[in-house]
Amino acid sequence: MSRDTQLKDRWEILVKKLSSQFADNDPLELDAIIYLVGVQELGQIHNTFKKDEKLNLMHIAICRLLEPYGYYEFDFFDEDGWPHYNIKEELPPLKAGEQSVLMKEALVSYFLEKEYIL
């Protein structure tokens, strides 16, 4: 199985499983899944978040997801428990489709690591 086919298959499994758990089987979009990772990483899963906090959660998720690729490194948790990251390397300019593939790949890797999908 090619790498692209494997990513596509795993992505579909991930979306289906998360959508079933969090969205009454309405397929979750990429941004929603990134948001879920941010909530997971913050560890405050029962909180209600304001708009600016939701953006911060997505930033946390992106940093965490791209950390294994060498773009970010974890720095510290602040007094409220929010993780902070440093930029190690700037992301190269990517087209929208390339960004989407990178994030899907990072999300699949994250959920494989967490043993949420196999």
PDB file of N, CA and C in Angstrom:
ATOM      1  N   MET A   1       0.857  -1.188   0.000  1.00  0.00           N
ATOM      2  CA  MET A   1       0.000   0.000   0.000  1.00  0.00           C
ATOM      3  C   MET A   1       0.895   1.240   0.000  1.00  0.00           C
ATOM      4  N   SER A   2       0.599   2.174  -0.874  1.00  0.00           N
ATOM      5  CA  SER A   2       1.411   3.385  -0.943  1.00  0.00           C
ATOM      6  C   SER A   2       1.177   4.254   0.288  1.00  0.00           C
ATOM      7  N   ARG A   3       2.144   5.105   0.538  1.00  0.00           N
ATOM      8  CA  ARG A   3       2.062   6.006   1.695  1.00  0.00           C
ATOM      9  C   ARG A   3       0.833   6.900   1.611  1.00  0.00           C
ATOM     10  N   ASP A   4       0.532   7.404   0.400  1.00  0.00           N
ATOM     11  CA  ASP A   4      -0.637   8.270   0.216  1.00  0.00           C
ATOM     12  C   ASP A   4      -1.936   7.519   0.486  1.00  0.00           C
ATOM     13  N   THR A   5      -2.006   6.282   0.019  1.00  0.00           N
ATOM     14  CA  THR A   5      -3.209   5.469   0.234  1.00  0.00           C
ATOM     15  C   THR A   5      -3.370   5.150   1.717  1.00  0.00           C
ATOM     16  N   GLN A   6      -2.259   4.830   2.366  1.00  0.00           N
ATOM     17  CA  GLN A   6      -2.312   4.522   3.792  1.00  0.00           C
ATOM     18  C   GLN A   6      -2.760   5.750   4.586  1.00  0.00           C
ATOM     19  N   LEU A   7      -2.239   6.924   4.258  1.00  0.00           N
ATOM     20  CA  LEU A   7      -2.650   8.152   4.929  1.00  0.00           C
ATOM     21  C   LEU A   7      -4.140   8.401   4.698  1.00  0.00           C
ATOM     22  N   LYS A   8      -4.591   8.255   3.477  1.00  0.00           N
ATOM     23  CA  LYS A   8      -6.005   8.471   3.152  1.00  0.00           C
ATOM     24  C   LYS A   8      -6.896   7.515   3.955  1.00  0.00           C
ATOM     25  N   ASP A   9      -6.515   6.251   4.000  1.00  0.00           N
ATOM     26  CA  ASP A   9      -7.310   5.258   4.739  1.00  0.00           C
ATOM     27  C   ASP A   9      -7.333   5.567   6.233  1.00  0.00           C
ATOM     28  N   ARG A  10      -6.176   5.874   6.789  1.00  0.00           N
ATOM     29  CA  ARG A  10      -6.109   6.186   8.228  1.00  0.00           C
ATOM     30  C   ARG A  10      -6.868   7.470   8.542  1.00  0.00           C
ATOM     31  N   TRP A  11      -6.780   8.456   7.645  1.00  0.00           N
ATOM     32  CA  TRP A  11      -7.501   9.710   7.852  1.00  0.00           C
ATOM     33  C   TRP A  11      -9.002   9.449   7.894  1.00  0.00           C
ATOM     34  N   GLU A  12      -9.489   8.645   6.975  1.00  0.00           N
ATOM     35  CA  GLU A  12     -10.920   8.323   6.947  1.00  0.00           C
ATOM     36  C   GLU A  12     -11.355   7.587   8.218  1.00  0.00           C
ATOM     37  N   ILE A  13     -10.532   6.673   8.697  1.00  0.00           N
ATOM     38  CA  ILE A  13     -10.826   5.962   9.953  1.00  0.00           C
ATOM     39  C   ILE A  13     -10.869   6.949  11.114  1.00  0.00           C
ATOM     40  N   LEU A  14      -9.881   7.846  11.164  1.00  0.00           N
ATOM     41  CA  LEU A  14      -9.812   8.838  12.239  1.00  0.00           C
ATOM     42  C   LEU A  14     -11.034   9.750  12.230  1.00  0.00           C
ATOM     43  N   VAL A  15     -11.374  10.286  11.064  1.00  0.00           N
ATOM     44  CA  VAL A  15     -12.529  11.188  10.960  1.00  0.00           C
ATOM     45  C   VAL A  15     -13.806  10.460  11.377  1.00  0.00           C
ATOM     46  N   LYS A  16     -13.970   9.244  10.918  1.00  0.00           N
ATOM     47  CA  LYS A  16     -15.169   8.472  11.250  1.00  0.00           C
ATOM     48  C   LYS A  16     -15.263   8.232  12.761  1.00  0.00           C
ATOM     49  N   LYS A  17     -14.161   7.846  13.369  1.00  0.00           N
ATOM     50  CA  LYS A  17     -14.168   7.544  14.805  1.00  0.00           C
ATOM     51  C   LYS A  17     -14.413   8.806  15.637  1.00  0.00           C
ATOM     52  N   LEU A  18     -13.709   9.895  15.319  1.00  0.00           N
ATOM     53  CA  LEU A  18     -13.903  11.145  16.056  1.00  0.00           C
ATOM     54  C   LEU A  18     -15.301  11.714  15.832  1.00  0.00           C
ATOM     55  N   SER A  19     -15.791  11.625  14.606  1.00  0.00           N
ATOM     56  CA  SER A  19     -17.124  12.140  14.282  1.00  0.00           C
ATOM     57  C   SER A  19     -18.195  11.376  15.043  1.00  0.00           C
ATOM     58  N   SER A  20     -18.008  10.095  15.174  1.00  0.00           N
ATOM     59  CA  SER A  20     -18.947   9.269  15.932  1.00  0.00           C
ATOM     60  C   SER A  20     -18.934   9.663  17.410  1.00  0.00           C
ATOM     61  N   GLN A  21     -17.748   9.923  17.927  1.00  0.00           N
ATOM     62  CA  GLN A  21     -17.601  10.225  19.354  1.00  0.00           C
ATOM     63  C   GLN A  21     -18.017  11.654  19.701  1.00  0.00           C
ATOM     64  N   PHE A  22     -17.769  12.603  18.797  1.00  0.00           N
ATOM     65  CA  PHE A  22     -17.949  14.007  19.154  1.00  0.00           C
ATOM     66  C   PHE A  22     -18.990  14.772  18.335  1.00  0.00           C
ATOM     67  N   ALA A  23     -19.496  14.199  17.239  1.00  0.00           N
ATOM     68  CA  ALA A  23     -20.352  14.994  16.358  1.00  0.00           C
ATOM     69  C   ALA A  23     -21.546  14.213  15.813  1.00  0.00           C
ATOM     70  N   ASP A  24     -22.040  13.246  16.564  1.00  0.00           N
ATOM     71  CA  ASP A  24     -23.202  12.459  16.116  1.00  0.00           C
ATOM     72  C   ASP A  24     -23.054  11.988  14.669  1.00  0.00           C
ATOM     73  N   ASN A  25     -21.858  11.574  14.317  1.00  0.00           N
ATOM     74  CA  ASN A  25     -21.516  11.042  12.992  1.00  0.00           C
ATOM     75  C   ASN A  25     -21.518  12.079  11.869  1.00  0.00           C
ATOM     76  N   ASP A  26     -21.715  13.376  12.178  1.00  0.00           N
ATOM     77  CA  ASP A  26     -21.503  14.404  11.156  1.00  0.00           C
ATOM     78  C   ASP A  26     -19.991  14.532  10.984  1.00  0.00           C
ATOM     79  N   PRO A  27     -19.473  14.348   9.772  1.00  0.00           N
ATOM     80  CA  PRO A  27     -18.017  14.332   9.590  1.00  0.00           C
ATOM     81  C   PRO A  27     -17.353  15.624  10.076  1.00  0.00           C
ATOM     82  N   LEU A  28     -16.381  15.461  10.966  1.00  0.00           N
ATOM     83  CA  LEU A  28     -15.622  16.603  11.469  1.00  0.00           C
ATOM     84  C   LEU A  28     -14.639  17.069  10.404  1.00  0.00           C
ATOM     85  N   GLU A  29     -14.457  18.365  10.325  1.00  0.00           N
ATOM     86  CA  GLU A  29     -13.486  18.933   9.399  1.00  0.00           C
ATOM     87  C   GLU A  29     -12.124  19.033  10.083  1.00  0.00           C
ATOM     88  N   LEU A  30     -11.121  19.298   9.283  1.00  0.00           N
ATOM     89  CA  LEU A  30      -9.745  19.376   9.757  1.00  0.00           C
ATOM     90  C   LEU A  30      -9.599  20.321  10.949  1.00  0.00           C
ATOM     91  N   ASP A  31     -10.155  21.528  10.851  1.00  0.00           N
ATOM     92  CA  ASP A  31     -10.032  22.506  11.932  1.00  0.00           C
ATOM     93  C   ASP A  31     -10.647  22.005  13.236  1.00  0.00           C
ATOM     94  N   ALA A  32     -11.757  21.304  13.141  1.00  0.00           N
ATOM     95  CA  ALA A  32     -12.411  20.776  14.345  1.00  0.00           C
ATOM     96  C   ALA A  32     -11.532  19.732  15.021  1.00  0.00           C
ATOM     97  N   ILE A  33     -10.866  18.918  14.218  1.00  0.00           N
ATOM     98  CA  ILE A  33      -9.994  17.886  14.780  1.00  0.00           C
ATOM     99  C   ILE A  33      -8.756  18.523  15.408  1.00  0.00           C
ATOM    100  N   ILE A  34      -8.235  19.549  14.781  1.00  0.00           N
ATOM    101  CA  ILE A  34      -7.108  20.289  15.363  1.00  0.00           C
ATOM    102  C   ILE A  34      -7.533  20.878  16.707  1.00  0.00           C
ATOM    103  N   TYR A  35      -8.732  21.454  16.758  1.00  0.00           N
ATOM    104  CA  TYR A  35      -9.259  22.010  18.016  1.00  0.00           C
ATOM    105  C   TYR A  35      -9.331  20.924  19.097  1.00  0.00           C
ATOM    106  N   LEU A  36      -9.812  19.735  18.741  1.00  0.00           N
ATOM    107  CA  LEU A  36      -9.901  18.644  19.709  1.00  0.00           C
ATOM    108  C   LEU A  36      -8.530  18.279  20.271  1.00  0.00           C
ATOM    109  N   VAL A  37      -7.510  18.303  19.426  1.00  0.00           N
ATOM    110  CA  VAL A  37      -6.146  18.027  19.898  1.00  0.00           C
ATOM    111  C   VAL A  37      -5.716  19.101  20.896  1.00  0.00           C
ATOM    112  N   GLY A  38      -6.049  20.362  20.610  1.00  0.00           N
ATOM    113  CA  GLY A  38      -5.709  21.443  21.534  1.00  0.00           C
ATOM    114  C   GLY A  38      -6.358  21.246  22.893  1.00  0.00           C
ATOM    115  N   VAL A  39      -7.617  20.872  22.897  1.00  0.00           N
ATOM    116  CA  VAL A  39      -8.321  20.618  24.159  1.00  0.00           C
ATOM    117  C   VAL A  39      -7.663  19.452  24.886  1.00  0.00           C
ATOM    118  N   GLN A  40      -7.345  18.392  24.145  1.00  0.00           N
ATOM    119  CA  GLN A  40      -6.680  17.221  24.730  1.00  0.00           C
ATOM    120  C   GLN A  40      -5.336  17.612  25.345  1.00  0.00           C
ATOM    121  N   GLU A  41      -4.556  18.390  24.631  1.00  0.00           N
ATOM    122  CA  GLU A  41      -3.234  18.779  25.117  1.00  0.00           C
ATOM    123  C   GLU A  41      -3.323  19.701  26.332  1.00  0.00           C
ATOM    124  N   LEU A  42      -4.336  20.546  26.364  1.00  0.00           N
ATOM    125  CA  LEU A  42      -4.524  21.416  27.523  1.00  0.00           C
ATOM    126  C   LEU A  42      -4.978  20.600  28.725  1.00  0.00           C
ATOM    127  N   GLY A  43      -5.770  19.565  28.462  1.00  0.00           N
ATOM    128  CA  GLY A  43      -6.228  18.697  29.545  1.00  0.00           C
ATOM    129  C   GLY A  43      -7.427  19.225  30.304  1.00  0.00           C
ATOM    130  N   GLN A  44      -8.077  20.242  29.776  1.00  0.00           N
ATOM    131  CA  GLN A  44      -9.261  20.823  30.433  1.00  0.00           C
ATOM    132  C   GLN A  44     -10.478  20.516  29.566  1.00  0.00           C
ATOM    133  N   ILE A  45     -10.788  19.235  29.456  1.00  0.00           N
ATOM    134  CA  ILE A  45     -11.778  18.785  28.483  1.00  0.00           C
ATOM    135  C   ILE A  45     -13.209  19.185  28.818  1.00  0.00           C
ATOM    136  N   HIS A  46     -13.490  19.565  30.054  1.00  0.00           N
ATOM    137  CA  HIS A  46     -14.862  19.902  30.425  1.00  0.00           C
ATOM    138  C   HIS A  46     -15.104  21.404  30.499  1.00  0.00           C
ATOM    139  N   ASN A  47     -14.107  22.194  30.119  1.00  0.00           N
ATOM    140  CA  ASN A  47     -14.256  23.646  30.146  1.00  0.00           C
ATOM    141  C   ASN A  47     -14.992  24.142  28.897  1.00  0.00           C
ATOM    142  N   THR A  48     -15.604  25.305  29.040  1.00  0.00           N
ATOM    143  CA  THR A  48     -16.153  26.034  27.904  1.00  0.00           C
ATOM    144  C   THR A  48     -15.159  27.145  27.597  1.00  0.00           C
ATOM    145  N   PHE A  49     -14.820  27.290  26.333  1.00  0.00           N
ATOM    146  CA  PHE A  49     -13.776  28.242  25.969  1.00  0.00           C
ATOM    147  C   PHE A  49     -14.341  29.413  25.177  1.00  0.00           C
ATOM    148  N   LYS A  50     -13.757  30.589  25.411  1.00  0.00           N
ATOM    149  CA  LYS A  50     -14.106  31.792  24.663  1.00  0.00           C
ATOM    150  C   LYS A  50     -13.428  31.727  23.295  1.00  0.00           C
ATOM    151  N   LYS A  51     -13.841  32.617  22.395  1.00  0.00           N
ATOM    152  CA  LYS A  51     -13.333  32.609  21.027  1.00  0.00           C
ATOM    153  C   LYS A  51     -11.808  32.703  20.990  1.00  0.00           C
ATOM    154  N   ASP A  52     -11.215  33.627  21.747  1.00  0.00           N
ATOM    155  CA  ASP A  52      -9.762  33.775  21.712  1.00  0.00           C
ATOM    156  C   ASP A  52      -9.067  32.549  22.308  1.00  0.00           C
ATOM    157  N   GLU A  53      -9.692  31.920  23.288  1.00  0.00           N
ATOM    158  CA  GLU A  53      -9.121  30.703  23.859  1.00  0.00           C
ATOM    159  C   GLU A  53      -9.178  29.560  22.846  1.00  0.00           C
ATOM    160  N   LYS A  54     -10.231  29.511  22.040  1.00  0.00           N
ATOM    161  CA  LYS A  54     -10.340  28.481  21.011  1.00  0.00           C
ATOM    162  C   LYS A  54      -9.222  28.626  19.979  1.00  0.00           C
ATOM    163  N   LEU A  55      -8.912  29.865  19.622  1.00  0.00           N
ATOM    164  CA  LEU A  55      -7.790  30.100  18.700  1.00  0.00           C
ATOM    165  C   LEU A  55      -6.476  29.667  19.338  1.00  0.00           C
ATOM    166  N   ASN A  56      -6.316  29.960  20.632  1.00  0.00           N
ATOM    167  CA  ASN A  56      -5.109  29.533  21.341  1.00  0.00           C
ATOM    168  C   ASN A  56      -5.013  28.011  21.413  1.00  0.00           C
ATOM    169  N   LEU A  57      -6.160  27.344  21.579  1.00  0.00           N
ATOM    170  CA  LEU A  57      -6.170  25.879  21.600  1.00  0.00           C
ATOM    171  C   LEU A  57      -5.722  25.313  20.256  1.00  0.00           C
ATOM    172  N   MET A  58      -6.155  25.937  19.187  1.00  0.00           N
ATOM    173  CA  MET A  58      -5.731  25.479  17.863  1.00  0.00           C
ATOM    174  C   MET A  58      -4.233  25.720  17.662  1.00  0.00           C
ATOM    175  N   HIS A  59      -3.727  26.815  18.198  1.00  0.00           N
ATOM    176  CA  HIS A  59      -2.296  27.096  18.116  1.00  0.00           C
ATOM    177  C   HIS A  59      -1.510  26.038  18.895  1.00  0.00           C
ATOM    178  N   ILE A  60      -1.985  25.707  20.096  1.00  0.00           N
ATOM    179  CA  ILE A  60      -1.342  24.657  20.897  1.00  0.00           C
ATOM    180  C   ILE A  60      -1.299  23.355  20.101  1.00  0.00           C
ATOM    181  N   ALA A  61      -2.420  23.023  19.492  1.00  0.00           N
ATOM    182  CA  ALA A  61      -2.499  21.775  18.729  1.00  0.00           C
ATOM    183  C   ALA A  61      -1.505  21.773  17.574  1.00  0.00           C
ATOM    184  N   ILE A  62      -1.458  22.868  16.839  1.00  0.00           N
ATOM    185  CA  ILE A  62      -0.552  22.938  15.694  1.00  0.00           C
ATOM    186  C   ILE A  62       0.897  22.807  16.149  1.00  0.00           C
ATOM    187  N   CYS A  63       1.235  23.491  17.236  1.00  0.00           N
ATOM    188  CA  CYS A  63       2.601  23.370  17.769  1.00  0.00           C
ATOM    189  C   CYS A  63       2.898  21.929  18.159  1.00  0.00           C
ATOM    190  N   ARG A  64       1.979  21.302  18.872  1.00  0.00           N
ATOM    191  CA  ARG A  64       2.176  19.913  19.315  1.00  0.00           C
ATOM    192  C   ARG A  64       2.251  18.964  18.121  1.00  0.00           C
ATOM    193  N   LEU A  65       1.392  19.168  17.143  1.00  0.00           N
ATOM    194  CA  LEU A  65       1.362  18.290  15.979  1.00  0.00           C
ATOM    195  C   LEU A  65       2.618  18.415  15.124  1.00  0.00           C
ATOM    196  N   LEU A  66       3.177  19.615  15.055  1.00  0.00           N
ATOM    197  CA  LEU A  66       4.353  19.834  14.209  1.00  0.00           C
ATOM    198  C   LEU A  66       5.667  19.727  14.980  1.00  0.00           C
ATOM    199  N   GLU A  67       5.574  19.493  16.283  1.00  0.00           N
ATOM    200  CA  GLU A  67       6.779  19.308  17.101  1.00  0.00           C
ATOM    201  C   GLU A  67       7.631  18.136  16.598  1.00  0.00           C
ATOM    202  N   PRO A  68       7.046  16.975  16.284  1.00  0.00           N
ATOM    203  CA  PRO A  68       7.879  15.864  15.801  1.00  0.00           C
ATOM    204  C   PRO A  68       8.568  16.141  14.460  1.00  0.00           C
ATOM    205  N   TYR A  69       8.091  17.123  13.735  1.00  0.00           N
ATOM    206  CA  TYR A  69       8.683  17.493  12.444  1.00  0.00           C
ATOM    207  C   TYR A  69       9.822  18.505  12.617  1.00  0.00           C
ATOM    208  N   GLY A  70      10.060  18.939  13.850  1.00  0.00           N
ATOM    209  CA  GLY A  70      11.163  19.844  14.123  1.00  0.00           C
ATOM    210  C   GLY A  70      10.840  21.320  13.997  1.00  0.00           C
ATOM    211  N   TYR A  71       9.555  21.669  13.858  1.00  0.00           N
ATOM    212  CA  TYR A  71       9.186  23.071  13.706  1.00  0.00           C
ATOM    213  C   TYR A  71       8.985  23.786  15.040  1.00  0.00           C
ATOM    214  N   TYR A  72       8.566  23.055  16.056  1.00  0.00           N
ATOM    215  CA  TYR A  72       8.326  23.632  17.378  1.00  0.00           C
ATOM    216  C   TYR A  72       8.942  22.733  18.442  1.00  0.00           C
ATOM    217  N   GLU A  73       9.203  23.339  19.608  1.00  0.00           N
ATOM    218  CA  GLU A  73       9.602  22.538  20.756  1.00  0.00           C
ATOM    219  C   GLU A  73       8.860  23.058  21.981  1.00  0.00           C
ATOM    220  N   PHE A  74       8.449  22.121  22.824  1.00  0.00           N
ATOM    221  CA  PHE A  74       7.748  22.494  24.050  1.00  0.00           C
ATOM    222  C   PHE A  74       8.690  23.303  24.929  1.00  0.00           C
ATOM    223  N   ASP A  75       8.150  24.355  25.569  1.00  0.00           N
ATOM    224  CA  ASP A  75       8.949  25.200  26.448  1.00  0.00           C
ATOM    225  C   ASP A  75       8.522  25.033  27.903  1.00  0.00           C
ATOM    226  N   PHE A  76       7.254  25.358  28.216  1.00  0.00           N
ATOM    227  CA  PHE A  76       6.806  25.281  29.606  1.00  0.00           C
ATOM    228  C   PHE A  76       5.291  25.352  29.680  1.00  0.00           C
ATOM    229  N   PHE A  77       4.759  25.009  30.845  1.00  0.00           N
ATOM    230  CA  PHE A  77       3.350  25.232  31.155  1.00  0.00           C
ATOM    231  C   PHE A  77       3.261  26.494  31.996  1.00  0.00           C
ATOM    232  N   ASP A  78       2.324  27.385  31.667  1.00  0.00           N
ATOM    233  CA  ASP A  78       2.152  28.588  32.477  1.00  0.00           C
ATOM    234  C   ASP A  78       1.347  28.259  33.735  1.00  0.00           C
ATOM    235  N   GLU A  79       1.101  29.280  34.563  1.00  0.00           N
ATOM    236  CA  GLU A  79       0.422  29.061  35.843  1.00  0.00           C
ATOM    237  C   GLU A  79      -1.014  28.566  35.687  1.00  0.00           C
ATOM    238  N   ASP A  80      -1.601  28.761  34.504  1.00  0.00           N
ATOM    239  CA  ASP A  80      -2.958  28.277  34.246  1.00  0.00           C
ATOM    240  C   ASP A  80      -2.968  26.901  33.576  1.00  0.00           C
ATOM    241  N   GLY A  81      -1.776  26.333  33.382  1.00  0.00           N
ATOM    242  CA  GLY A  81      -1.677  25.011  32.786  1.00  0.00           C
ATOM    243  C   GLY A  81      -1.622  24.981  31.268  1.00  0.00           C
ATOM    244  N   TRP A  82      -1.512  26.154  30.646  1.00  0.00           N
ATOM    245  CA  TRP A  82      -1.444  26.211  29.180  1.00  0.00           C
ATOM    246  C   TRP A  82      -0.007  25.952  28.725  1.00  0.00           C
ATOM    247  N   PRO A  83       0.181  25.027  27.767  1.00  0.00           N
ATOM    248  CA  PRO A  83       1.532  24.773  27.268  1.00  0.00           C
ATOM    249  C   PRO A  83       1.998  25.884  26.332  1.00  0.00           C
ATOM    250  N   HIS A  84       3.295  26.126  26.359  1.00  0.00           N
ATOM    251  CA  HIS A  84       3.910  27.121  25.479  1.00  0.00           C
ATOM    252  C   HIS A  84       5.033  26.453  24.697  1.00  0.00           C
ATOM    253  N   TYR A  85       5.163  26.851  23.447  1.00  0.00           N
ATOM    254  CA  TYR A  85       6.150  26.272  22.540  1.00  0.00           C
ATOM    255  C   TYR A  85       7.027  27.369  21.960  1.00  0.00           C
ATOM    256  N   ASN A  86       8.230  26.999  21.597  1.00  0.00           N
ATOM    257  CA  ASN A  86       9.133  27.880  20.865  1.00  0.00           C
ATOM    258  C   ASN A  86       9.220  27.400  19.427  1.00  0.00           C
ATOM    259  N   ILE A  87       9.380  28.335  18.515  1.00  0.00           N
ATOM    260  CA  ILE A  87       9.605  27.991  17.109  1.00  0.00           C
ATOM    261  C   ILE A  87      11.063  27.568  16.963  1.00  0.00           C
ATOM    262  N   LYS A  88      11.280  26.370  16.422  1.00  0.00           N
ATOM    263  CA  LYS A  88      12.642  25.896  16.150  1.00  0.00           C
ATOM    264  C   LYS A  88      13.034  26.200  14.718  1.00  0.00           C
ATOM    265  N   GLU A  89      12.067  26.041  13.825  1.00  0.00           N
ATOM    266  CA  GLU A  89      12.324  26.268  12.407  1.00  0.00           C
ATOM    267  C   GLU A  89      11.040  26.772  11.770  1.00  0.00           C
ATOM    268  N   GLU A  90      11.158  27.794  10.937  1.00  0.00           N
ATOM    269  CA  GLU A  90       9.992  28.326  10.238  1.00  0.00           C
ATOM    270  C   GLU A  90       9.451  27.283   9.270  1.00  0.00           C
ATOM    271  N   LEU A  91       8.136  27.214   9.197  1.00  0.00           N
ATOM    272  CA  LEU A  91       7.518  26.334   8.203  1.00  0.00           C
ATOM    273  C   LEU A  91       7.832  26.858   6.808  1.00  0.00           C
ATOM    274  N   PRO A  92       8.119  25.971   5.878  1.00  0.00           N
ATOM    275  CA  PRO A  92       8.338  26.437   4.504  1.00  0.00           C
ATOM    276  C   PRO A  92       7.016  26.906   3.912  1.00  0.00           C
ATOM    277  N   PRO A  93       7.067  27.763   2.915  1.00  0.00           N
ATOM    278  CA  PRO A  93       5.825  28.176   2.268  1.00  0.00           C
ATOM    279  C   PRO A  93       5.153  26.955   1.627  1.00  0.00           C
ATOM    280  N   LEU A  94       3.907  26.740   1.983  1.00  0.00           N
ATOM    281  CA  LEU A  94       3.161  25.596   1.462  1.00  0.00           C
ATOM    282  C   LEU A  94       1.873  26.076   0.827  1.00  0.00           C
ATOM    283  N   LYS A  95       1.481  25.420  -0.236  1.00  0.00           N
ATOM    284  CA  LYS A  95       0.173  25.686  -0.835  1.00  0.00           C
ATOM    285  C   LYS A  95      -0.890  25.108   0.086  1.00  0.00           C
ATOM    286  N   ALA A  96      -2.128  25.558  -0.081  1.00  0.00           N
ATOM    287  CA  ALA A  96      -3.218  25.111   0.794  1.00  0.00           C
ATOM    288  C   ALA A  96      -3.327  23.588   0.829  1.00  0.00           C
ATOM    289  N   GLY A  97      -3.241  22.947  -0.302  1.00  0.00           N
ATOM    290  CA  GLY A  97      -3.333  21.488  -0.359  1.00  0.00           C
ATOM    291  C   GLY A  97      -2.183  20.817   0.370  1.00  0.00           C
ATOM    292  N   GLU A  98      -0.996  21.393   0.256  1.00  0.00           N
ATOM    293  CA  GLU A  98       0.174  20.848   0.949  1.00  0.00           C
ATOM    294  C   GLU A  98       0.042  21.010   2.461  1.00  0.00           C
ATOM    295  N   GLN A  99      -0.505  22.152   2.892  1.00  0.00           N
ATOM    296  CA  GLN A  99      -0.751  22.366   4.326  1.00  0.00           C
ATOM    297  C   GLN A  99      -1.720  21.323   4.858  1.00  0.00           C
ATOM    298  N   SER A 100      -2.769  21.077   4.104  1.00  0.00           N
ATOM    299  CA  SER A 100      -3.789  20.121   4.499  1.00  0.00           C
ATOM    300  C   SER A 100      -3.196  18.720   4.640  1.00  0.00           C
ATOM    301  N   VAL A 101      -2.376  18.316   3.673  1.00  0.00           N
ATOM    302  CA  VAL A 101      -1.757  16.989   3.733  1.00  0.00           C
ATOM    303  C   VAL A 101      -0.819  16.895   4.936  1.00  0.00           C
ATOM    304  N   LEU A 102      -0.021  17.934   5.173  1.00  0.00           N
ATOM    305  CA  LEU A 102       0.891  17.936   6.323  1.00  0.00           C
ATOM    306  C   LEU A 102       0.111  17.800   7.628  1.00  0.00           C
ATOM    307  N   MET A 103      -0.973  18.553   7.771  1.00  0.00           N
ATOM    308  CA  MET A 103      -1.744  18.495   9.013  1.00  0.00           C
ATOM    309  C   MET A 103      -2.449  17.148   9.161  1.00  0.00           C
ATOM    310  N   LYS A 104      -2.961  16.598   8.085  1.00  0.00           N
ATOM    311  CA  LYS A 104      -3.591  15.279   8.163  1.00  0.00           C
ATOM    312  C   LYS A 104      -2.570  14.223   8.569  1.00  0.00           C
ATOM    313  N   GLU A 105      -1.392  14.308   7.973  1.00  0.00           N
ATOM    314  CA  GLU A 105      -0.320  13.375   8.313  1.00  0.00           C
ATOM    315  C   GLU A 105       0.056  13.514   9.792  1.00  0.00           C
ATOM    316  N   ALA A 106       0.185  14.752  10.256  1.00  0.00           N
ATOM    317  CA  ALA A 106       0.542  15.003  11.657  1.00  0.00           C
ATOM    318  C   ALA A 106      -0.560  14.515  12.599  1.00  0.00           C
ATOM    319  N   LEU A 107      -1.814  14.728  12.218  1.00  0.00           N
ATOM    320  CA  LEU A 107      -2.937  14.272  13.052  1.00  0.00           C
ATOM    321  C   LEU A 107      -2.998  12.745  13.112  1.00  0.00           C
ATOM    322  N   VAL A 108      -2.833  12.094  11.983  1.00  0.00           N
ATOM    323  CA  VAL A 108      -2.830  10.623  11.978  1.00  0.00           C
ATOM    324  C   VAL A 108      -1.689  10.112  12.859  1.00  0.00           C
ATOM    325  N   SER A 109      -0.514  10.695  12.738  1.00  0.00           N
ATOM    326  CA  SER A 109       0.626  10.289  13.577  1.00  0.00           C
ATOM    327  C   SER A 109       0.322  10.486  15.056  1.00  0.00           C
ATOM    328  N   TYR A 110      -0.283  11.619  15.385  1.00  0.00           N
ATOM    329  CA  TYR A 110      -0.633  11.930  16.771  1.00  0.00           C
ATOM    330  C   TYR A 110      -1.588  10.876  17.336  1.00  0.00           C
ATOM    331  N   PHE A 111      -2.633  10.567  16.586  1.00  0.00           N
ATOM    332  CA  PHE A 111      -3.627   9.617  17.087  1.00  0.00           C
ATOM    333  C   PHE A 111      -3.122   8.174  17.045  1.00  0.00           C
ATOM    334  N   LEU A 112      -2.168   7.865  16.176  1.00  0.00           N
ATOM    335  CA  LEU A 112      -1.497   6.569  16.236  1.00  0.00           C
ATOM    336  C   LEU A 112      -0.657   6.484  17.508  1.00  0.00           C
ATOM    337  N   GLU A 113       0.069   7.556  17.810  1.00  0.00           N
ATOM    338  CA  GLU A 113       0.901   7.614  19.012  1.00  0.00           C
ATOM    339  C   GLU A 113       0.055   7.443  20.274  1.00  0.00           C
ATOM    340  N   LYS A 114      -1.140   8.058  20.262  1.00  0.00           N
ATOM    341  CA  LYS A 114      -2.045   7.977  21.417  1.00  0.00           C
ATOM    342  C   LYS A 114      -2.821   6.652  21.436  1.00  0.00           C
ATOM    343  N   GLU A 115      -2.607   5.826  20.398  1.00  0.00           N
ATOM    344  CA  GLU A 115      -3.280   4.533  20.236  1.00  0.00           C
ATOM    345  C   GLU A 115      -4.809   4.683  20.158  1.00  0.00           C
ATOM    346  N   TYR A 116      -5.246   5.816  19.606  1.00  0.00           N
ATOM    347  CA  TYR A 116      -6.675   6.038  19.363  1.00  0.00           C
ATOM    348  C   TYR A 116      -7.099   5.319  18.092  1.00  0.00           C
ATOM    349  N   ILE A 117      -6.186   5.277  17.125  1.00  0.00           N
ATOM    350  CA  ILE A 117      -6.376   4.475  15.912  1.00  0.00           C
ATOM    351  C   ILE A 117      -5.177   3.556  15.786  1.00  0.00           C
ATOM    352  N   LEU A 118      -5.338   2.523  14.983  1.00  0.00           N
ATOM    353  CA  LEU A 118      -4.244   1.556  14.780  1.00  0.00           C
ATOM    354  C   LEU A 118      -3.761   1.569  13.349  1.00  0.00           C
TER     355      LEU A 118
END
